[in-house]
Amino acid sequence: MSKFEYKEFYRTNLPHYQPEGGIFAVSFRLAFNLPESIIESLKADKSEYEIISSTLTDSEKGRYDLEFKRNYFADFDRFLAKYQDSPDWLKNYKIADCVQDSFIFLNQKKYILHCYTIMPNHVHLIIEPVMKNNSYYAVSEILQSLKGYTARECNKILNRKGQFWQHGHYDHMIRDDNDYNYQVEYVKNNPVKAGFVKIWENWRYTFVKQSYIK
């Protein structure tokens, strides 16, 4: 039986609601201001989505919602990969090692780690929260641990003070096996699409759970 069969749909309009046993694709970036042109473009895309979505049936909305979110996120992610005016602290091996070690340290403690990649100014994770005291760790709690610790340690390495990570994050609850495969392929090939390596295995800061690798 697929892990995703009978799983409750993740209602993204309720940000504090997290169904049990979910697997999440999560992304967050370093702290920096976005260009106004990008902010306006994202707002325009969101407005168009809301207009179109209001004309669709419930069944049509589900498919359109997934397609829109994938394209919306991919467009923004491509911008991050090419943006030259952001900090690129994660290109520093000591910084990237610190973040990677933190991802690995919490594996099997707060989540099962399915996949990650560390880019120069942002990161992608696929995690499956595990149980604590008869309830699952919340994604927000997991990220608070990861971002809080790595921000302190990375600032020490850089001999700087101030905000390291941007407030907030993006998360998507994976819906089914097809969505899972899409998300893993997207994350592991992020450095390839950015032109950093020709095959994902050559990127020093990408991990894929062994059971998935084809």
Protein backbone atom coordinates (compact mmCIF):
# COMPACT_ATOMS: atom_id res chain seq x y z
CA MET A 1 0.00 0.00 0.00
CA SER A 2 1.24 3.46 -0.85
CA LYS A 3 2.25 5.55 2.15
CA PHE A 4 -0.02 8.27 0.83
CA GLU A 5 -3.24 6.23 0.57
CA TYR A 6 -6.04 7.48 2.82
CA LYS A 7 -3.96 10.45 3.94
CA GLU A 8 -5.93 13.54 4.82
CA PHE A 9 -5.57 16.44 2.39
CA TYR A 10 -3.32 19.20 3.67
CA ARG A 11 -5.35 22.39 3.93
CA THR A 12 -2.83 25.13 3.23
CA ASN A 13 -5.30 27.82 4.23
CA LEU A 14 -4.93 26.58 7.82
CA PRO A 15 -1.20 27.10 8.46
CA HIS A 16 -1.24 25.65 11.98
CA TYR A 17 -2.98 22.45 10.92
CA GLN A 18 -0.66 19.52 10.24
CA PRO A 19 -2.08 16.06 9.49
CA GLU A 20 -0.40 13.08 11.10
CA GLY A 21 2.25 11.19 9.22
CA GLY A 22 2.77 13.76 6.48
CA ILE A 23 5.88 14.22 4.37
CA PHE A 24 6.79 17.84 3.63
CA ALA A 25 8.85 19.65 1.04
CA VAL A 26 10.32 22.68 2.79
CA SER A 27 12.41 25.60 1.57
CA PHE A 28 13.91 28.66 3.23
CA ARG A 29 16.51 31.25 2.27
CA LEU A 30 19.13 33.57 3.67
CA ALA A 31 18.01 36.99 4.90
CA PHE A 32 17.94 39.62 2.16
CA ASN A 33 15.47 41.99 0.55
CA LEU A 34 13.89 41.05 -2.74
CA PRO A 35 13.86 43.54 -5.65
CA GLU A 36 10.57 45.43 -5.90
CA SER A 37 10.09 44.12 -9.44
CA ILE A 38 10.12 40.52 -8.20
CA ILE A 39 7.67 41.31 -5.39
CA GLU A 40 5.27 42.98 -7.84
CA SER A 41 5.59 40.07 -10.28
CA LEU A 42 4.79 37.55 -7.57
CA LYS A 43 1.79 39.61 -6.45
CA ALA A 44 0.51 39.77 -10.03
CA ASP A 45 0.83 36.00 -10.43
CA LYS A 46 -1.04 35.45 -7.17
CA SER A 47 -3.84 37.82 -8.20
CA GLU A 48 -4.23 36.05 -11.55
CA TYR A 49 -4.36 32.71 -9.74
CA GLU A 50 -7.11 33.91 -7.41
CA ILE A 51 -9.20 35.22 -10.32
CA ILE A 52 -8.90 32.00 -12.30
CA SER A 53 -9.40 29.80 -9.24
CA SER A 54 -12.70 31.55 -8.43
CA THR A 55 -14.14 30.34 -11.75
CA LEU A 56 -13.26 26.66 -11.29
CA THR A 57 -15.13 23.74 -9.83
CA ASP A 58 -13.80 22.02 -6.69
CA SER A 59 -12.25 19.18 -8.70
CA GLU A 60 -10.66 21.63 -11.16
CA LYS A 61 -9.31 23.75 -8.32
CA GLY A 62 -7.30 20.86 -6.88
CA ARG A 63 -5.41 20.28 -10.12
CA TYR A 64 -4.99 23.98 -10.87
CA ASP A 65 -3.84 24.70 -7.33
CA LEU A 66 -1.06 22.11 -7.53
CA GLU A 67 0.06 23.24 -10.98
CA PHE A 68 0.06 26.91 -10.01
CA LYS A 69 2.02 26.35 -6.80
CA ARG A 70 4.63 24.28 -8.61
CA ASN A 71 5.11 26.93 -11.31
CA TYR A 72 4.98 29.83 -8.84
CA PHE A 73 7.59 28.22 -6.61
CA ALA A 74 9.80 27.12 -9.54
CA ASP A 75 9.84 30.66 -10.96
CA PHE A 76 10.86 32.11 -7.61
CA ASP A 77 13.44 29.39 -7.09
CA ARG A 78 15.02 30.10 -10.47
CA PHE A 79 15.29 33.73 -9.49
CA LEU A 80 17.06 32.83 -6.23
CA ALA A 81 19.55 30.61 -8.04
CA LYS A 82 20.54 33.44 -10.41
CA TYR A 83 20.27 36.43 -8.08
CA GLN A 84 23.70 38.05 -7.75
CA ASP A 85 22.89 40.66 -5.09
CA SER A 86 21.98 38.27 -2.27
CA PRO A 87 24.43 37.01 0.36
CA ASP A 88 25.91 33.65 -0.65
CA TRP A 89 27.23 32.50 2.71
CA LEU A 90 26.24 28.92 1.95
CA LYS A 91 29.00 28.78 -0.69
CA ASN A 92 31.41 28.77 2.27
CA TYR A 93 32.15 25.11 3.04
CA LYS A 94 32.26 25.74 6.78
CA ILE A 95 28.80 27.31 6.65
CA ALA A 96 27.32 24.65 4.39
CA ASP A 97 28.87 21.90 6.51
CA CYS A 98 27.28 23.40 9.62
CA VAL A 99 23.84 23.44 7.98
CA GLN A 100 24.27 19.95 6.56
CA ASP A 101 25.43 18.55 9.91
CA SER A 102 22.33 20.04 11.55
CA PHE A 103 20.04 18.41 8.98
CA ILE A 104 21.70 15.06 9.65
CA PHE A 105 21.79 15.48 13.43
CA LEU A 106 18.01 15.79 13.70
CA ASN A 107 17.40 12.85 11.37
CA GLN A 108 15.55 10.10 13.29
CA LYS A 109 15.19 12.50 16.24
CA LYS A 110 12.60 14.96 14.97
CA TYR A 111 12.08 13.73 11.42
CA ILE A 112 13.04 11.17 8.83
CA LEU A 113 15.23 12.90 6.28
CA HIS A 114 14.25 12.02 2.72
CA CYS A 115 16.19 14.56 0.68
CA TYR A 116 17.95 17.91 0.84
CA THR A 117 20.12 20.24 -1.16
CA ILE A 118 22.00 23.33 0.00
CA MET A 119 22.30 26.13 -2.55
CA PRO A 120 24.39 29.31 -2.16
CA ASN A 121 21.49 31.39 -0.78
CA HIS A 122 18.71 28.91 0.05
CA VAL A 123 17.99 25.31 0.98
CA HIS A 124 15.47 22.59 0.15
CA LEU A 125 14.43 19.77 2.47
CA ILE A 126 12.02 16.85 2.31
CA ILE A 127 11.24 15.62 5.81
CA GLU A 128 8.80 13.30 7.53
CA PRO A 129 8.17 14.44 11.13
CA VAL A 130 8.34 11.70 13.77
CA MET A 131 6.35 11.36 16.98
CA LYS A 132 7.05 12.97 20.33
CA ASN A 133 4.79 12.25 23.32
CA ASN A 134 2.06 10.72 21.15
CA SER A 135 2.04 13.57 18.63
CA TYR A 136 4.16 14.48 15.62
CA TYR A 137 6.74 17.24 15.67
CA ALA A 138 5.34 20.30 13.93
CA VAL A 139 7.18 21.49 10.84
CA SER A 140 7.36 24.97 12.40
CA GLU A 141 9.02 23.54 15.53
CA ILE A 142 11.52 21.59 13.45
CA LEU A 143 12.46 24.65 11.44
CA GLN A 144 12.77 26.77 14.56
CA SER A 145 15.36 24.29 15.83
CA LEU A 146 17.24 24.12 12.54
CA LYS A 147 17.23 27.81 11.74
CA GLY A 148 17.88 28.98 15.30
CA TYR A 149 20.91 26.76 15.88
CA THR A 150 22.47 27.20 12.44
CA ALA A 151 21.98 30.98 12.52
CA ARG A 152 23.93 31.23 15.79
CA GLU A 153 26.70 28.88 14.70
CA CYS A 154 27.07 30.29 11.19
CA ASN A 155 27.23 33.85 12.48
CA LYS A 156 30.06 32.75 14.78
CA ILE A 157 31.93 31.31 11.80
CA LEU A 158 31.36 34.50 9.80
CA ASN A 159 32.22 36.70 12.79
CA ARG A 160 29.04 38.68 12.25
CA LYS A 161 25.83 39.55 14.08
CA GLY A 162 22.30 39.99 12.82
CA GLN A 163 19.69 38.04 10.97
CA PHE A 164 21.02 35.03 9.09
CA TRP A 165 17.87 33.35 7.72
CA GLN A 166 14.86 35.12 6.25
CA HIS A 167 11.81 34.93 8.51
CA GLY A 168 9.27 32.35 7.40
CA HIS A 169 9.54 29.42 5.03
CA TYR A 170 7.68 27.58 2.28
CA ASP A 171 6.24 24.15 2.96
CA HIS A 172 4.13 21.79 0.89
CA MET A 173 2.60 18.57 2.14
CA ILE A 174 3.29 15.88 -0.42
CA ARG A 175 -0.01 14.46 -1.68
CA ASP A 176 0.81 11.11 -3.26
CA ASP A 177 3.56 8.98 -4.80
CA ASN A 178 3.66 11.03 -8.00
CA ASP A 179 4.01 14.24 -6.02
CA TYR A 180 6.73 12.66 -3.89
CA ASN A 181 8.71 11.64 -6.97
CA TYR A 182 8.30 15.12 -8.44
CA GLN A 183 9.50 16.82 -5.25
CA VAL A 184 12.56 14.59 -4.83
CA GLU A 185 13.56 15.02 -8.46
CA TYR A 186 13.09 18.78 -8.12
CA VAL A 187 15.22 19.06 -4.99
CA LYS A 188 18.07 16.82 -6.06
CA ASN A 189 18.34 18.46 -9.50
CA ASN A 190 18.29 22.04 -8.18
CA PRO A 191 22.09 22.46 -8.51
CA VAL A 192 21.96 20.91 -12.00
CA LYS A 193 19.32 23.36 -13.22
CA ALA A 194 21.36 26.21 -11.76
CA GLY A 195 24.36 25.07 -13.83
CA PHE A 196 26.61 24.25 -10.88
CA VAL A 197 27.09 20.57 -11.81
CA LYS A 198 26.11 18.28 -14.67
CA ILE A 199 24.71 15.47 -12.52
CA TRP A 200 23.21 15.80 -9.05
CA GLU A 201 25.57 13.25 -7.51
CA ASN A 202 28.45 15.68 -8.02
CA TRP A 203 26.95 18.35 -5.80
CA ARG A 204 28.60 18.12 -2.40
CA TYR A 205 25.50 19.21 -0.50
CA THR A 206 22.73 17.01 -1.90
CA PHE A 207 21.34 13.96 -0.15
CA VAL A 208 18.67 11.49 -1.30
CA LYS A 209 17.39 8.69 0.90
CA GLN A 210 18.91 5.45 -0.35
CA SER A 211 15.56 3.68 -0.75
CA TYR A 212 14.52 6.27 -3.34
CA ILE A 213 17.58 6.37 -5.60
CA LYS A 214 16.80 4.74 -8.95
